[in-house]
Amino acid sequence: MRIILPLLALTLPLTSLSAQNAPPPLLSAVEQQLAQGPAGTRYGLMVATLDGEPILAIAPDQRFIPASNTKMFTTATAYADLPALDAAARGTGVRLDRGDVILVGHGDARLSSANGCTINCLQTLADAVAAKTHHVRNIVGDDSWFPDERWGPGMSWNNIQSRYGTGISALTLDDNEVTASVAPAAIGASPAVTAPAYYGIDNRIITVPGKSEAITADRAPNSRLIRLTGTIGVEARPASLHFSIDDPAHYAAWRLREALLARGVRVDGDILTRHRPLAPADDPAIRKDAPAAQPPSSDMLAQLPALPLAQDMRIINKQSQNLHADLMLRRVSRAQASGSIADGQVALHRLMAQAGLPESSYSFADGSGMSSYNRITPRAAVTLLTWIARQPWGMAWRETLPIAGHDGTLRGRFKGTLLEGKLFAKTGSLNAARAVSGYFITKSGRTLVFSALANDMPDGTDGQATAAVDRALVDIAAAL
């Protein structure tokens, strides 16, 4: 059975089962809401019962860029093996080697150097070194716990300089980003820029009348120079800018050096890094039955405890934190094999097969959704979500999802509708791609599973597509 939407210039196929289960007025309402979205948008939508019985499906088997809906697949793979992952987890450590200080990362996503840090702090490791010696040579950032794959295939180069595309490393500090503050000066003058000295700042911003700011930051990949252009109003509040780190191990070693100097430790050498180049042994398709590459463990002078990974699942799904998601995929990979993206995908595929997803219904190049190579079908998302709901850990995983109108990336959506507080879903946002998938409670009290994907919107119309999908979901919840 087909419904033709001329205003969308699309043919949206519905399964016969869907047409039988969904009342005709509901199908008409969904049609009307999507027709109000941007012309040319490609939609996929599937709604099903918790038992997996389809209620309504629009292009359920077409493949879409899922953006951060990818994180559902990553965190589900990790949650299914969470006790083993927690048992294998190790915190960041530090050791001394012939006068060098080696800072060793083990995939921890939450190491911090913030002032006032009380848990998982770089300062704790600096204290341990300072208590042992007052004279060191080189400071070495060692992230060889994972192979050196700082970005997944399909990462847009222009995103690399932003906080959303920061490098992935087993040695991660402060979310692998630095923050600068821009305070206006007199009209016509350059504002004051306060930032860590790790990056050089070419400040070309001009202070202008008013309260608004329009600042652009530009940094070439692997460059240590940031060029700031644009304007800031003389009456504006200081603006915060966030810059990514391309070599997180180097940055972490740089921060440790600063901490040691502040503790009176003399540092005579350089800041160095120890990476593990990606090798054939990191690819299960190449190594076949040979063992995966893994660096040996070393005794530490001091090592931080590993934090529970369930806490990080909330950060990943509630905040849609890209770095943490990609690190989670690598932690899954390292617990079972080499720590590579390829080995992480093997673990993910294994779980998806267990959940009943055909391999043709999804493909991923990373764990976060930043890759433009990723694809899923609405049916794949719904199949996964119904399977998760049947698992002993399913409710705990669902609690990591944003709640409509309340928190996370859904804080500002569905407010004042019957879905406020009753829709629990992972969002996704990438260029010309929007996604939202999860669970919602209908007006009659039923809990349903859904996935709504929109791709190929014209520039500047992403918000309109999101609004059309949200209205359609509200209509579905009201009718069922």
Protein backbone atom coordinates (compact mmCIF):
# COMPACT_ATOMS: atom_id res chain seq x y z
CA MET A 1 0.00 0.00 0.00
CA ARG A 2 1.33 3.48 -0.80
CA ILE A 3 0.53 6.99 0.28
CA ILE A 4 1.54 9.68 -2.18
CA LEU A 5 2.75 12.98 -0.72
CA PRO A 6 2.85 15.42 -3.62
CA LEU A 7 3.92 18.33 -1.46
CA LEU A 8 7.04 16.40 -0.52
CA ALA A 9 7.66 15.22 -4.06
CA LEU A 10 8.28 11.84 -2.41
CA THR A 11 6.80 8.38 -2.50
CA LEU A 12 6.60 7.07 1.06
CA PRO A 13 5.96 3.29 1.03
CA LEU A 14 3.94 1.79 3.88
CA THR A 15 3.81 -1.92 4.64
CA SER A 16 0.36 -3.48 4.39
CA LEU A 17 0.64 -4.49 8.04
CA SER A 18 1.31 -0.86 8.95
CA ALA A 19 -1.71 0.35 7.04
CA GLN A 20 -3.91 -2.19 8.79
CA ASN A 21 -2.66 -1.26 12.26
CA ALA A 22 -2.61 2.52 11.87
CA PRO A 23 -6.01 4.26 11.65
CA PRO A 24 -6.48 6.18 8.35
CA PRO A 25 -6.86 9.55 10.14
CA LEU A 26 -3.46 8.97 11.78
CA LEU A 27 -1.79 8.26 8.46
CA SER A 28 -3.34 11.42 7.06
CA ALA A 29 -2.12 13.46 10.04
CA VAL A 30 1.42 12.15 9.64
CA GLU A 31 1.28 12.92 5.93
CA GLN A 32 0.16 16.48 6.58
CA GLN A 33 2.82 17.16 9.20
CA LEU A 34 5.69 15.86 7.08
CA ALA A 35 4.36 17.75 4.07
CA GLN A 36 4.99 20.96 6.03
CA GLY A 37 8.68 20.15 6.24
CA PRO A 38 11.26 21.40 3.75
CA ALA A 39 10.69 20.38 0.12
CA GLY A 40 13.06 17.63 -0.99
CA THR A 41 13.56 16.15 2.47
CA ARG A 42 13.77 12.38 2.61
CA TYR A 43 11.97 10.90 5.63
CA GLY A 44 12.05 7.51 7.27
CA LEU A 45 9.72 6.64 10.13
CA MET A 46 8.79 3.48 11.94
CA VAL A 47 6.64 3.00 15.04
CA ALA A 48 6.15 -0.40 16.65
CA THR A 49 4.94 -2.06 19.82
CA LEU A 50 7.38 -3.24 22.46
CA ASP A 51 6.90 -6.69 20.95
CA GLY A 52 8.18 -5.38 17.61
CA GLU A 53 4.83 -5.38 15.80
CA PRO A 54 4.86 -2.53 13.25
CA ILE A 55 2.17 0.12 13.61
CA LEU A 56 3.29 2.68 11.04
CA ALA A 57 6.22 2.65 8.65
CA ILE A 58 7.45 5.14 6.07
CA ALA A 59 10.48 4.02 4.05
CA PRO A 60 11.43 1.66 6.90
CA ASP A 61 14.15 -0.11 4.92
CA GLN A 62 15.77 2.87 3.24
CA ARG A 63 19.23 3.76 4.54
CA PHE A 64 19.78 7.16 6.19
CA ILE A 65 22.68 9.03 7.72
CA PRO A 66 21.90 8.58 11.43
CA ALA A 67 24.22 11.22 12.90
CA SER A 68 24.34 10.68 16.68
CA ASN A 69 21.75 7.91 16.59
CA THR A 70 24.95 5.93 16.01
CA LYS A 71 25.57 6.28 19.75
CA MET A 72 22.61 3.99 20.48
CA PHE A 73 24.40 1.16 18.72
CA THR A 74 27.71 1.91 20.44
CA THR A 75 26.33 2.17 23.97
CA ALA A 76 24.10 -0.89 23.52
CA THR A 77 27.16 -2.91 22.49
CA ALA A 78 28.98 -1.70 25.60
CA TYR A 79 26.03 -2.13 27.98
CA ALA A 80 25.54 -5.74 26.89
CA ASP A 81 29.04 -6.51 28.19
CA LEU A 82 29.24 -3.86 30.91
CA PRO A 83 30.47 -6.01 33.84
CA ALA A 84 33.37 -7.33 31.77
CA LEU A 85 34.20 -3.85 30.50
CA ASP A 86 34.23 -2.44 34.03
CA ALA A 87 36.46 -5.31 35.15
CA ALA A 88 38.91 -4.60 32.32
CA ALA A 89 38.88 -0.81 32.74
CA ARG A 90 42.04 0.93 33.93
CA GLY A 91 42.64 4.52 34.91
CA THR A 92 45.36 6.86 33.68
CA GLY A 93 48.76 6.22 35.25
CA VAL A 94 52.23 7.71 35.49
CA ARG A 95 55.62 6.06 35.75
CA LEU A 96 59.29 7.05 35.72
CA ASP A 97 61.69 5.62 33.16
CA ARG A 98 65.37 6.67 33.28
CA GLY A 99 64.49 10.21 34.25
CA ASP A 100 61.51 10.53 31.90
CA VAL A 101 57.96 10.90 33.16
CA ILE A 102 55.59 8.67 31.18
CA LEU A 103 51.91 9.58 31.35
CA VAL A 104 50.00 6.47 30.25
CA GLY A 105 46.40 6.53 29.03
CA HIS A 106 44.05 3.55 29.12
CA GLY A 107 41.01 5.02 27.38
CA ASP A 108 39.60 6.98 30.33
CA ALA A 109 37.29 9.69 28.97
CA ARG A 110 37.08 11.81 32.12
CA LEU A 111 40.60 12.70 33.25
CA SER A 112 40.57 16.35 34.30
CA SER A 113 43.05 19.15 35.00
CA ALA A 114 40.36 21.62 36.05
CA ASN A 115 40.90 23.85 39.05
CA GLY A 116 39.08 22.35 41.98
CA CYS A 117 39.15 18.84 40.50
CA THR A 118 38.36 16.27 43.20
CA ILE A 119 38.17 12.99 41.31
CA ASN A 120 40.10 11.53 38.37
CA CYS A 121 42.55 14.44 38.45
CA LEU A 122 45.81 14.97 36.57
CA GLN A 123 46.98 16.85 39.66
CA THR A 124 46.95 13.59 41.64
CA LEU A 125 49.49 12.10 39.24
CA ALA A 126 51.59 15.26 39.33
CA ASP A 127 51.63 15.05 43.13
CA ALA A 128 52.90 11.46 42.93
CA VAL A 129 55.79 12.47 40.66
CA ALA A 130 56.67 15.51 42.77
CA ALA A 131 56.74 13.32 45.90
CA LYS A 132 59.24 10.99 44.21
CA THR A 133 61.61 13.41 42.46
CA HIS A 134 62.28 17.10 41.91
CA HIS A 135 64.20 16.72 38.66
CA VAL A 136 62.96 15.01 35.50
CA ARG A 137 63.92 14.93 31.87
CA ASN A 138 61.25 14.45 29.19
CA ILE A 139 57.49 14.35 29.69
CA VAL A 140 56.03 11.63 27.45
CA GLY A 141 52.34 11.22 26.64
CA ASP A 142 51.74 7.53 25.90
CA ASP A 143 48.45 6.63 24.21
CA SER A 144 49.59 3.30 22.73
CA TRP A 145 46.84 1.41 24.60
CA PHE A 146 44.83 1.97 21.39
CA PRO A 147 46.27 2.15 17.87
CA ASP A 148 46.65 5.67 16.54
CA GLU A 149 43.28 6.33 14.82
CA ARG A 150 42.41 9.85 15.86
CA TRP A 151 39.42 10.17 13.56
CA GLY A 152 37.10 7.64 12.01
CA PRO A 153 36.77 7.42 8.22
CA GLY A 154 34.26 9.92 6.91
CA MET A 155 34.97 12.65 9.47
CA SER A 156 34.59 16.01 7.73
CA TRP A 157 37.89 17.87 7.80
CA ASN A 158 36.18 21.14 8.76
CA ASN A 159 34.82 19.52 11.92
CA ILE A 160 38.29 18.54 13.11
CA GLN A 161 39.01 22.04 14.42
CA SER A 162 35.81 22.13 16.47
CA ARG A 163 35.19 20.58 19.88
CA TYR A 164 32.85 18.10 18.16
CA GLY A 165 35.66 16.62 16.07
CA THR A 166 38.55 16.50 18.50
CA GLY A 167 41.14 13.73 18.20
CA ILE A 168 40.46 10.34 19.79
CA SER A 169 43.21 8.98 22.00
CA ALA A 170 43.73 6.50 24.83
CA LEU A 171 45.22 9.47 26.69
CA THR A 172 42.37 11.96 26.99
CA LEU A 173 42.34 15.09 29.16
CA ASP A 174 39.64 17.75 29.60
CA ASP A 175 37.60 16.24 26.76
CA ASN A 176 40.58 16.99 24.48
CA GLU A 177 39.66 20.63 24.10
CA VAL A 178 40.83 24.01 25.34
CA THR A 179 38.65 27.00 26.13
CA ALA A 180 39.34 30.66 25.45
CA SER A 181 37.52 33.74 26.67
CA VAL A 182 37.07 36.88 24.56
CA ALA A 183 36.27 40.10 26.44
CA PRO A 184 35.37 43.29 24.53
CA ALA A 185 37.64 46.32 24.64
CA ALA A 186 37.01 49.88 23.46
CA ILE A 187 35.18 50.31 20.17
CA GLY A 188 37.61 49.80 17.32
CA ALA A 189 40.14 47.94 19.46
CA SER A 190 40.95 44.25 19.59
CA PRO A 191 39.28 42.45 22.51
CA ALA A 192 41.28 40.66 25.18
CA VAL A 193 41.67 36.92 24.55
CA THR A 194 42.49 34.69 27.51
CA ALA A 195 43.52 31.14 26.61
CA PRO A 196 46.01 28.43 27.61
CA ALA A 197 49.39 28.92 25.97
CA TYR A 198 49.15 25.58 24.17
CA TYR A 199 47.83 27.36 21.08
CA GLY A 200 49.08 30.55 19.53
CA ILE A 201 46.30 33.10 18.96
CA ASP A 202 46.18 35.44 15.96
CA ASN A 203 43.57 37.88 17.24
CA ARG A 204 41.93 39.88 14.44
CA ILE A 205 38.60 40.49 16.19
CA ILE A 206 37.31 44.06 16.37
CA THR A 207 35.15 45.52 19.13
CA VAL A 208 32.05 47.21 17.73
CA PRO A 209 28.99 48.96 19.19
CA GLY A 210 26.20 46.82 20.60
CA LYS A 211 25.80 43.56 22.50
CA SER A 212 26.15 40.89 19.82
CA GLU A 213 29.19 38.87 18.81
CA ALA A 214 30.11 37.15 15.55
CA ILE A 215 33.48 35.46 16.02
CA THR A 216 34.99 32.90 13.67
CA ALA A 217 37.86 30.64 14.69
CA ASP A 218 40.00 28.97 12.05
CA ARG A 219 42.77 26.42 12.57
CA ALA A 220 44.30 24.10 10.01
CA PRO A 221 44.56 20.41 11.01
CA ASN A 222 47.70 19.72 13.09
CA SER A 223 48.41 23.44 13.35
CA ARG A 224 49.07 25.14 16.70
CA LEU A 225 47.88 28.56 15.49
CA ILE A 226 44.29 29.74 15.77
CA ARG A 227 43.13 32.75 13.77
CA LEU A 228 40.21 34.66 15.28
CA THR A 229 38.22 37.06 13.10
CA GLY A 230 34.90 38.85 13.35
CA THR A 231 33.39 41.26 15.86
CA ILE A 232 32.21 41.49 19.46
CA GLY A 233 29.93 44.17 20.85
CA VAL A 234 31.34 46.56 23.41
CA GLU A 235 28.37 45.75 25.67
CA ALA A 236 28.58 41.97 25.12
CA ARG A 237 29.45 39.52 27.82
CA PRO A 238 32.77 37.70 27.40
CA ALA A 239 32.43 34.98 24.77
CA SER A 240 33.67 31.42 25.37
CA LEU A 241 35.36 29.59 22.49
CA HIS A 242 36.24 25.91 22.43
CA PHE A 243 39.12 24.50 20.38
CA SER A 244 39.85 20.86 19.65
CA ILE A 245 43.10 19.00 20.23
CA ASP A 246 44.59 17.03 17.33
CA ASP A 247 47.22 15.18 19.39
CA PRO A 248 45.64 14.57 22.80
CA ALA A 249 48.66 12.67 24.15
CA HIS A 250 50.88 15.67 23.46
CA TYR A 251 48.42 18.06 25.09
CA ALA A 252 48.10 15.88 28.19
CA ALA A 253 51.90 15.73 28.52
CA TRP A 254 52.04 19.51 28.10
CA ARG A 255 49.51 19.98 30.90
CA LEU A 256 51.43 17.57 33.13
CA ARG A 257 54.60 19.56 32.55
CA GLU A 258 52.77 22.72 33.68
CA ALA A 259 51.55 20.92 36.79
CA LEU A 260 55.03 19.63 37.63
CA LEU A 261 56.61 23.06 37.23
CA ALA A 262 53.98 24.49 39.56
CA ARG A 263 55.07 21.91 42.14
CA GLY A 264 58.72 22.88 41.92
CA VAL A 265 59.81 19.98 39.73
CA ARG A 266 62.58 20.88 37.31
CA VAL A 267 61.89 19.69 33.75
CA ASP A 268 64.98 19.67 31.52
CA GLY A 269 63.71 17.81 28.47
CA ASP A 270 60.97 18.04 25.86
CA ILE A 271 57.34 17.10 25.54
CA LEU A 272 57.20 13.84 23.59
CA THR A 273 54.54 11.35 22.54
CA ARG A 274 54.40 7.60 22.21
CA HIS A 275 51.82 6.43 19.68
CA ARG A 276 51.10 2.94 18.33
CA PRO A 277 50.77 3.14 14.54
CA LEU A 278 47.79 1.33 13.08
CA ALA A 279 49.04 -2.03 11.78
CA PRO A 280 47.63 -5.00 9.84
CA ALA A 281 47.33 -6.88 13.13
CA ASP A 282 44.72 -4.31 14.21
CA ASP A 283 42.38 -5.39 11.41
CA PRO A 284 40.61 -8.70 12.04
CA ALA A 285 39.97 -9.14 8.32
CA ILE A 286 43.73 -9.16 7.70
CA ARG A 287 45.10 -10.95 10.75
CA LYS A 288 42.53 -13.80 10.47
CA ASP A 289 43.18 -16.18 13.38
CA ALA A 290 46.35 -14.49 14.56
CA PRO A 291 46.21 -12.75 17.96
CA ALA A 292 45.31 -9.06 18.08
CA ALA A 293 48.06 -6.53 18.69
CA GLN A 294 48.22 -5.33 22.30
CA PRO A 295 51.06 -3.42 23.99
CA PRO A 296 52.40 -4.88 27.24
CA SER A 297 51.32 -3.36 30.54
CA SER A 298 53.88 -1.65 32.77
CA ASP A 299 54.03 -1.03 36.50
CA MET A 300 52.97 2.48 37.48
CA LEU A 301 54.30 4.90 40.05
CA ALA A 302 50.69 5.98 40.52
CA GLN A 303 47.44 5.10 38.80
CA LEU A 304 43.98 6.59 39.09
CA PRO A 305 41.02 4.25 39.69
CA ALA A 306 38.77 3.49 36.75
CA LEU A 307 35.39 5.20 36.97
CA PRO A 308 32.19 3.15 36.40
CA LEU A 309 31.37 3.12 32.69
CA ALA A 310 27.62 3.35 33.29
CA GLN A 311 28.18 6.97 34.28
CA ASP A 312 29.83 7.61 30.94
CA MET A 313 26.86 6.07 29.10
CA ARG A 314 24.69 8.87 30.49
CA ILE A 315 27.17 11.48 29.28
CA ILE A 316 27.29 9.90 25.83
CA ASN A 317 23.54 9.62 25.31
CA LYS A 318 22.21 12.56 27.33
CA GLN A 319 24.79 15.08 26.06
CA SER A 320 25.56 13.33 22.77
CA GLN A 321 29.26 13.47 23.63
CA ASN A 322 31.20 12.42 20.53
CA LEU A 323 34.63 11.86 22.07
CA HIS A 324 33.28 9.67 24.86
CA ALA A 325 31.28 7.60 22.37
CA ASP A 326 34.29 6.95 20.16
CA LEU A 327 36.35 6.07 23.21
CA MET A 328 33.62 3.66 24.34
CA LEU A 329 33.82 1.82 21.02
CA ARG A 330 37.58 1.55 21.39
CA ARG A 331 37.24 0.32 24.99
CA VAL A 332 34.91 -2.42 23.78
CA SER A 333 37.49 -3.22 21.11
CA ARG A 334 40.43 -3.23 23.55
CA ALA A 335 38.62 -5.49 26.02
CA GLN A 336 38.21 -8.11 23.30
CA ALA A 337 41.02 -7.43 20.83
CA SER A 338 43.33 -4.59 19.72
CA GLY A 339 41.46 -1.36 20.51
CA SER A 340 41.03 -0.51 16.83
CA ILE A 341 37.87 0.76 15.16
CA ALA A 342 37.77 -2.42 13.08
CA ASP A 343 37.81 -4.66 16.14
CA GLY A 344 35.14 -2.48 17.73
CA GLN A 345 32.96 -2.97 14.67
CA VAL A 346 33.35 -6.74 14.97
CA ALA A 347 31.96 -6.56 18.51
CA LEU A 348 29.13 -4.29 17.34
CA HIS A 349 28.22 -6.58 14.43
CA ARG A 350 28.19 -9.55 16.77
CA LEU A 351 25.68 -7.85 19.05
CA MET A 352 23.53 -6.62 16.17
CA ALA A 353 23.29 -10.16 14.86
CA GLN A 354 22.18 -11.28 18.31
CA ALA A 355 19.53 -8.53 18.26
CA GLY A 356 18.28 -9.72 14.87
CA LEU A 357 19.52 -6.89 12.61
CA PRO A 358 20.58 -7.85 9.08
CA GLU A 359 23.97 -6.38 8.17
CA SER A 360 22.43 -4.62 5.17
CA SER A 361 20.38 -2.44 7.54
CA TYR A 362 23.33 -0.58 9.07
CA SER A 363 26.96 0.37 8.54
CA PHE A 364 29.25 2.42 10.76
CA ALA A 365 32.68 3.98 10.43
CA ASP A 366 32.89 5.37 13.98
CA GLY A 367 31.20 5.15 17.36
CA SER A 368 29.84 8.68 17.62
CA GLY A 369 27.99 9.44 14.38
CA MET A 370 30.31 12.18 13.17
CA SER A 371 31.19 10.13 10.09
CA SER A 372 29.19 10.85 6.95
CA TYR A 373 29.71 7.19 5.98
CA ASN A 374 27.33 5.85 8.65
CA ARG A 375 23.93 4.48 7.62
CA ILE A 376 20.95 2.88 9.35
CA THR A 377 17.37 2.06 8.42
CA PRO A 378 14.42 2.99 10.64
CA ARG A 379 13.66 -0.71 10.99
CA ALA A 380 17.20 -1.41 12.23
CA ALA A 381 16.84 1.21 14.97
CA VAL A 382 13.42 -0.09 16.03
CA THR A 383 14.63 -3.69 16.00
CA LEU A 384 17.56 -2.76 18.22
CA LEU A 385 15.38 -0.75 20.60
CA THR A 386 12.81 -3.54 20.98
CA TRP A 387 15.61 -6.01 21.66
CA ILE A 388 17.16 -3.68 24.26
CA ALA A 389 13.80 -3.39 26.04
CA ARG A 390 13.85 -7.16 26.63
CA GLN A 391 17.33 -7.24 28.16
CA PRO A 392 17.94 -7.27 31.94
CA TRP A 393 19.85 -4.01 31.51
CA GLY A 394 17.31 -2.50 29.11
CA MET A 395 15.67 -0.11 31.57
CA ALA A 396 19.06 1.07 32.89
CA TRP A 397 20.11 1.80 29.31
CA ARG A 398 16.84 3.61 28.58
CA GLU A 399 17.51 5.89 31.54
CA THR A 400 20.64 7.16 29.76
CA LEU A 401 18.47 8.68 27.01
CA PRO A 402 17.39 12.33 26.99
CA ILE A 403 13.85 13.02 28.23
CA ALA A 404 11.63 15.26 26.11
CA GLY A 405 11.32 18.75 27.54
CA HIS A 406 13.44 17.86 30.58
CA ASP A 407 17.11 17.14 29.97
CA GLY A 408 19.93 16.41 27.57
CA THR A 409 19.56 17.17 23.90
CA LEU A 410 15.74 16.98 24.19
CA ARG A 411 15.55 19.64 26.87
CA GLY A 412 14.00 22.20 24.53
CA ARG A 413 11.79 19.88 22.47
CA PHE A 414 8.17 18.72 22.94
CA LYS A 415 7.56 21.28 25.68
CA GLY A 416 3.87 21.83 26.29
CA THR A 417 2.88 18.71 24.33
CA LEU A 418 1.60 15.38 25.60
CA LEU A 419 5.08 13.95 24.93
CA GLU A 420 6.81 16.25 27.40
CA GLY A 421 8.38 13.94 29.96
CA LYS A 422 7.05 10.90 28.09
CA LEU A 423 9.48 10.53 25.19
CA PHE A 424 12.91 9.02 25.84
CA ALA A 425 15.12 9.11 22.80
CA LYS A 426 18.55 9.61 21.28
CA THR A 427 18.82 12.56 18.97
CA GLY A 428 21.13 13.06 16.01
CA SER A 429 22.31 16.13 14.13
CA LEU A 430 24.74 16.37 11.24
CA ASN A 431 24.80 18.35 8.02
CA ALA A 432 21.41 17.79 6.30
CA ALA A 433 20.63 14.92 8.69
CA ARG A 434 18.38 14.81 11.74
CA ALA A 435 17.36 11.75 13.75
CA VAL A 436 15.43 10.86 16.87
CA SER A 437 14.84 7.27 18.02
CA GLY A 438 13.69 5.72 21.25
CA TYR A 439 10.48 5.16 23.20
CA PHE A 440 7.37 7.21 23.94
CA ILE A 441 4.23 6.80 26.02
CA THR A 442 1.00 7.45 24.14
CA LYS A 443 -2.13 9.21 25.36
CA SER A 444 -3.66 5.83 26.21
CA GLY A 445 -0.60 4.82 28.24
CA ARG A 446 1.02 2.44 25.76
CA THR A 447 4.80 2.45 25.41
CA LEU A 448 5.87 2.35 21.78
CA VAL A 449 9.22 2.14 20.03
CA PHE A 450 10.06 4.52 17.20
CA SER A 451 12.72 5.82 14.87
CA ALA A 452 12.36 9.00 12.80
CA LEU A 453 15.09 10.01 10.34
CA ALA A 454 15.28 13.00 8.01
CA ASN A 455 18.00 13.47 5.38
CA ASP A 456 18.80 15.75 2.45
CA MET A 457 17.19 18.93 3.75
CA PRO A 458 18.09 22.12 1.88
CA ASP A 459 20.63 24.33 3.66
CA GLY A 460 19.18 26.20 6.59
CA THR A 461 16.01 24.10 6.87
CA ASP A 462 17.12 21.44 9.36
CA GLY A 463 15.01 22.98 12.11
CA GLN A 464 11.90 22.86 9.94
CA ALA A 465 12.41 19.16 9.27
CA THR A 466 12.87 18.52 13.00
CA ALA A 467 9.68 20.43 13.81
CA ALA A 468 7.70 18.46 11.20
CA VAL A 469 8.89 15.16 12.65
CA ASP A 470 8.10 16.29 16.21
CA ARG A 471 4.57 17.28 15.24
CA ALA A 472 4.06 13.93 13.53
CA LEU A 473 5.21 12.07 16.65
CA VAL A 474 2.82 14.08 18.83
CA ASP A 475 -0.03 13.21 16.48
CA ILE A 476 0.88 9.52 16.63
CA ALA A 477 1.03 9.59 20.43
CA ALA A 478 -2.35 11.37 20.61
CA ALA A 479 -4.03 8.83 18.30
CA LEU A 480 -2.67 5.72 20.00
